[in-house]
Amino acid sequence: MSDTAPPTTPPATADLQAEITAAREELVATISTLKGEMTPGAIARRGGRAITGWFTDEFGGIRPERVAIVGAVVAGIVVLKIIRRRG
């Protein structure tokens, strides 16, 4: 047996052009997808899902401890503003 690889023939011009065309089409599709994900509406939807996910568990139920934390923070801010106005 010989250890030398058989000589390879260079790809045909048509094959190279087809590869370039396929790569270009894939790039255009990727850019279109990225543009769609970066619209203000898409960003807002992702943010909304993130916030909703923080307040709900994996079954969709509300996490009362997290709602209570936010409620306490809001109440604290309101109380501080009232104290500052009176003082």
N, C-alpha and C. Protein backbone atom coordinates (compact mmCIF):
# COMPACT_ATOMS: atom_id res chain seq x y z
N MET A 1 0.83 -1.18 0.00
CA MET A 1 0.00 0.00 0.00
C MET A 1 0.87 1.23 0.00
N SER A 2 0.36 2.25 -0.65
CA SER A 2 1.14 3.48 -0.68
C SER A 2 0.51 4.49 0.25
N ASP A 3 1.34 5.35 0.86
CA ASP A 3 0.88 6.35 1.82
C ASP A 3 0.57 7.68 1.16
N THR A 4 0.69 7.79 -0.10
CA THR A 4 0.44 9.06 -0.77
C THR A 4 -1.04 9.16 -1.14
N ALA A 5 -1.58 10.34 -0.97
CA ALA A 5 -2.98 10.57 -1.32
C ALA A 5 -3.08 10.76 -2.82
N PRO A 6 -4.20 10.34 -3.38
CA PRO A 6 -4.37 10.55 -4.82
C PRO A 6 -4.45 12.04 -5.11
N PRO A 7 -3.96 12.45 -6.24
CA PRO A 7 -4.01 13.87 -6.58
C PRO A 7 -5.46 14.34 -6.68
N THR A 8 -5.70 15.54 -6.13
CA THR A 8 -7.06 16.09 -6.19
C THR A 8 -7.13 17.09 -7.34
N THR A 9 -8.30 17.13 -7.92
CA THR A 9 -8.49 18.09 -9.01
C THR A 9 -9.10 19.35 -8.41
N PRO A 10 -8.71 20.50 -8.90
CA PRO A 10 -9.27 21.74 -8.38
C PRO A 10 -10.76 21.80 -8.70
N PRO A 11 -11.55 22.45 -7.82
CA PRO A 11 -12.99 22.54 -8.09
C PRO A 11 -13.25 23.36 -9.35
N ALA A 12 -14.30 23.01 -10.01
CA ALA A 12 -14.68 23.72 -11.23
C ALA A 12 -15.19 25.12 -10.87
N THR A 13 -15.08 26.02 -11.82
CA THR A 13 -15.52 27.40 -11.61
C THR A 13 -17.00 27.43 -11.25
N ALA A 14 -17.80 26.62 -11.88
CA ALA A 14 -19.24 26.58 -11.61
C ALA A 14 -19.49 26.14 -10.16
N ASP A 15 -18.69 25.17 -9.67
CA ASP A 15 -18.84 24.73 -8.28
C ASP A 15 -18.50 25.86 -7.31
N LEU A 16 -17.43 26.58 -7.60
CA LEU A 16 -17.04 27.69 -6.73
C LEU A 16 -18.11 28.79 -6.74
N GLN A 17 -18.64 29.09 -7.92
CA GLN A 17 -19.68 30.12 -8.01
C GLN A 17 -20.93 29.68 -7.24
N ALA A 18 -21.27 28.41 -7.30
CA ALA A 18 -22.44 27.91 -6.57
C ALA A 18 -22.21 28.02 -5.06
N GLU A 19 -21.01 27.71 -4.60
CA GLU A 19 -20.69 27.83 -3.17
C GLU A 19 -20.77 29.29 -2.71
N ILE A 20 -20.25 30.20 -3.53
CA ILE A 20 -20.27 31.62 -3.21
C ILE A 20 -21.72 32.12 -3.16
N THR A 21 -22.53 31.71 -4.12
CA THR A 21 -23.93 32.11 -4.15
C THR A 21 -24.67 31.60 -2.92
N ALA A 22 -24.43 30.34 -2.55
CA ALA A 22 -25.08 29.77 -1.37
C ALA A 22 -24.64 30.51 -0.10
N ALA A 23 -23.35 30.82 -0.01
CA ALA A 23 -22.85 31.55 1.16
C ALA A 23 -23.45 32.95 1.23
N ARG A 24 -23.58 33.60 0.09
CA ARG A 24 -24.17 34.95 0.03
C ARG A 24 -25.63 34.90 0.48
N GLU A 25 -26.39 33.91 -0.01
CA GLU A 25 -27.80 33.79 0.37
C GLU A 25 -27.93 33.51 1.86
N GLU A 26 -27.05 32.70 2.41
CA GLU A 26 -27.09 32.41 3.85
C GLU A 26 -26.76 33.68 4.65
N LEU A 27 -25.82 34.47 4.18
CA LEU A 27 -25.45 35.72 4.85
C LEU A 27 -26.62 36.70 4.82
N VAL A 28 -27.29 36.81 3.69
CA VAL A 28 -28.43 37.72 3.57
C VAL A 28 -29.55 37.28 4.52
N ALA A 29 -29.79 35.97 4.60
CA ALA A 29 -30.83 35.46 5.49
C ALA A 29 -30.47 35.74 6.96
N THR A 30 -29.21 35.57 7.31
CA THR A 30 -28.77 35.83 8.68
C THR A 30 -28.91 37.30 9.02
N ILE A 31 -28.52 38.18 8.12
CA ILE A 31 -28.64 39.61 8.36
C ILE A 31 -30.10 40.01 8.50
N SER A 32 -30.96 39.45 7.68
CA SER A 32 -32.40 39.75 7.78
C SER A 32 -32.95 39.31 9.13
N THR A 33 -32.54 38.13 9.59
CA THR A 33 -32.98 37.64 10.89
C THR A 33 -32.51 38.56 12.00
N LEU A 34 -31.25 38.97 11.94
CA LEU A 34 -30.70 39.86 12.97
C LEU A 34 -31.41 41.22 12.96
N LYS A 35 -31.70 41.73 11.78
CA LYS A 35 -32.42 43.01 11.69
C LYS A 35 -33.80 42.89 12.32
N GLY A 36 -34.46 41.76 12.08
CA GLY A 36 -35.78 41.54 12.67
C GLY A 36 -35.74 41.45 14.18
N GLU A 37 -34.66 40.88 14.72
CA GLU A 37 -34.53 40.74 16.17
C GLU A 37 -34.14 42.05 16.85
N MET A 38 -33.66 43.02 16.09
CA MET A 38 -33.19 44.27 16.68
C MET A 38 -34.16 45.43 16.50
N THR A 39 -35.37 45.15 16.04
CA THR A 39 -36.36 46.23 15.93
C THR A 39 -36.80 46.61 17.34
N PRO A 40 -37.23 47.84 17.53
CA PRO A 40 -37.68 48.26 18.86
C PRO A 40 -38.79 47.38 19.43
N GLY A 41 -39.70 46.95 18.59
CA GLY A 41 -40.79 46.09 19.05
C GLY A 41 -40.28 44.74 19.56
N ALA A 42 -39.33 44.15 18.83
CA ALA A 42 -38.78 42.86 19.24
C ALA A 42 -38.01 42.99 20.54
N ILE A 43 -37.27 44.07 20.68
CA ILE A 43 -36.51 44.29 21.92
C ILE A 43 -37.47 44.48 23.09
N ALA A 44 -38.54 45.23 22.87
CA ALA A 44 -39.54 45.45 23.93
C ALA A 44 -40.21 44.13 24.32
N ARG A 45 -40.52 43.28 23.35
CA ARG A 45 -41.15 41.99 23.66
C ARG A 45 -40.22 41.13 24.50
N ARG A 46 -38.91 41.09 24.13
CA ARG A 46 -37.95 40.30 24.92
C ARG A 46 -37.85 40.85 26.33
N GLY A 47 -37.84 42.18 26.47
CA GLY A 47 -37.78 42.78 27.80
C GLY A 47 -39.03 42.46 28.61
N GLY A 48 -40.18 42.52 27.97
CA GLY A 48 -41.43 42.20 28.65
C GLY A 48 -41.47 40.76 29.12
N ARG A 49 -40.97 39.85 28.28
CA ARG A 49 -40.92 38.44 28.68
C ARG A 49 -39.96 38.24 29.84
N ALA A 50 -38.85 38.98 29.84
CA ALA A 50 -37.88 38.85 30.94
C ALA A 50 -38.49 39.33 32.25
N ILE A 51 -39.21 40.45 32.20
CA ILE A 51 -39.85 40.97 33.41
C ILE A 51 -40.94 40.02 33.87
N THR A 52 -41.77 39.57 32.96
CA THR A 52 -42.83 38.63 33.31
C THR A 52 -42.24 37.36 33.89
N GLY A 53 -41.15 36.89 33.31
CA GLY A 53 -40.50 35.68 33.81
C GLY A 53 -39.96 35.84 35.22
N TRP A 54 -39.58 37.05 35.59
CA TRP A 54 -39.05 37.27 36.93
C TRP A 54 -40.17 37.20 37.97
N PHE A 55 -41.39 37.59 37.58
CA PHE A 55 -42.52 37.58 38.50
C PHE A 55 -43.31 36.28 38.49
N THR A 56 -43.01 35.35 37.57
CA THR A 56 -43.76 34.10 37.50
C THR A 56 -42.82 32.91 37.61
N ASP A 57 -43.38 31.79 38.06
CA ASP A 57 -42.58 30.57 38.16
C ASP A 57 -42.67 29.79 36.85
N GLU A 58 -42.07 28.62 36.83
CA GLU A 58 -42.02 27.84 35.58
C GLU A 58 -43.39 27.34 35.14
N PHE A 59 -44.38 27.37 36.04
CA PHE A 59 -45.72 26.92 35.70
C PHE A 59 -46.66 28.08 35.36
N GLY A 60 -46.14 29.31 35.40
CA GLY A 60 -46.94 30.48 35.08
C GLY A 60 -47.60 31.11 36.29
N GLY A 61 -47.36 30.55 37.47
CA GLY A 61 -47.94 31.12 38.69
C GLY A 61 -47.14 32.32 39.16
N ILE A 62 -47.80 33.21 39.88
CA ILE A 62 -47.14 34.41 40.38
C ILE A 62 -46.27 34.06 41.58
N ARG A 63 -45.10 34.70 41.66
CA ARG A 63 -44.21 34.53 42.81
C ARG A 63 -44.48 35.67 43.78
N PRO A 64 -45.26 35.41 44.83
CA PRO A 64 -45.67 36.50 45.72
C PRO A 64 -44.50 37.18 46.43
N GLU A 65 -43.44 36.45 46.71
CA GLU A 65 -42.30 37.07 47.39
C GLU A 65 -41.64 38.14 46.52
N ARG A 66 -41.61 37.93 45.23
CA ARG A 66 -41.01 38.93 44.33
C ARG A 66 -41.93 40.12 44.14
N VAL A 67 -43.23 39.86 44.07
CA VAL A 67 -44.19 40.96 43.98
C VAL A 67 -44.11 41.80 45.25
N ALA A 68 -43.97 41.13 46.41
CA ALA A 68 -43.88 41.84 47.68
C ALA A 68 -42.61 42.70 47.73
N ILE A 69 -41.51 42.20 47.21
CA ILE A 69 -40.25 42.97 47.20
C ILE A 69 -40.45 44.26 46.41
N VAL A 70 -41.01 44.15 45.22
CA VAL A 70 -41.21 45.33 44.38
C VAL A 70 -42.20 46.28 45.04
N GLY A 71 -43.26 45.74 45.63
CA GLY A 71 -44.23 46.57 46.32
C GLY A 71 -43.61 47.33 47.48
N ALA A 72 -42.73 46.65 48.24
CA ALA A 72 -42.06 47.31 49.36
C ALA A 72 -41.13 48.42 48.87
N VAL A 73 -40.44 48.18 47.79
CA VAL A 73 -39.53 49.20 47.25
C VAL A 73 -40.34 50.42 46.78
N VAL A 74 -41.43 50.19 46.08
CA VAL A 74 -42.26 51.30 45.61
C VAL A 74 -42.84 52.06 46.80
N ALA A 75 -43.34 51.33 47.80
CA ALA A 75 -43.89 52.00 48.99
C ALA A 75 -42.81 52.81 49.70
N GLY A 76 -41.59 52.27 49.79
CA GLY A 76 -40.49 53.00 50.41
C GLY A 76 -40.17 54.28 49.68
N ILE A 77 -40.17 54.23 48.37
CA ILE A 77 -39.89 55.43 47.57
C ILE A 77 -40.98 56.48 47.79
N VAL A 78 -42.23 56.06 47.81
CA VAL A 78 -43.34 56.99 48.04
C VAL A 78 -43.21 57.64 49.41
N VAL A 79 -42.92 56.84 50.43
CA VAL A 79 -42.77 57.37 51.79
C VAL A 79 -41.62 58.37 51.84
N LEU A 80 -40.50 58.05 51.22
CA LEU A 80 -39.36 58.98 51.22
C LEU A 80 -39.72 60.30 50.54
N LYS A 81 -40.46 60.25 49.44
CA LYS A 81 -40.86 61.48 48.75
C LYS A 81 -41.79 62.31 49.62
N ILE A 82 -42.71 61.65 50.34
CA ILE A 82 -43.62 62.38 51.22
C ILE A 82 -42.85 63.04 52.36
N ILE A 83 -41.91 62.32 52.94
CA ILE A 83 -41.10 62.87 54.04
C ILE A 83 -40.28 64.06 53.56
N ARG A 84 -39.70 63.98 52.40
CA ARG A 84 -38.90 65.09 51.86
C ARG A 84 -39.75 66.33 51.61
N ARG A 85 -40.97 66.16 51.14
CA ARG A 85 -41.85 67.29 50.85
C ARG A 85 -42.28 67.99 52.13
N ARG A 86 -42.48 67.24 53.18
CA ARG A 86 -42.92 67.83 54.46
C ARG A 86 -41.77 68.46 55.21
N GLY A 87 -40.55 67.97 54.94
CA GLY A 87 -39.41 68.45 55.72
C GLY A 87 -38.73 69.62 55.20
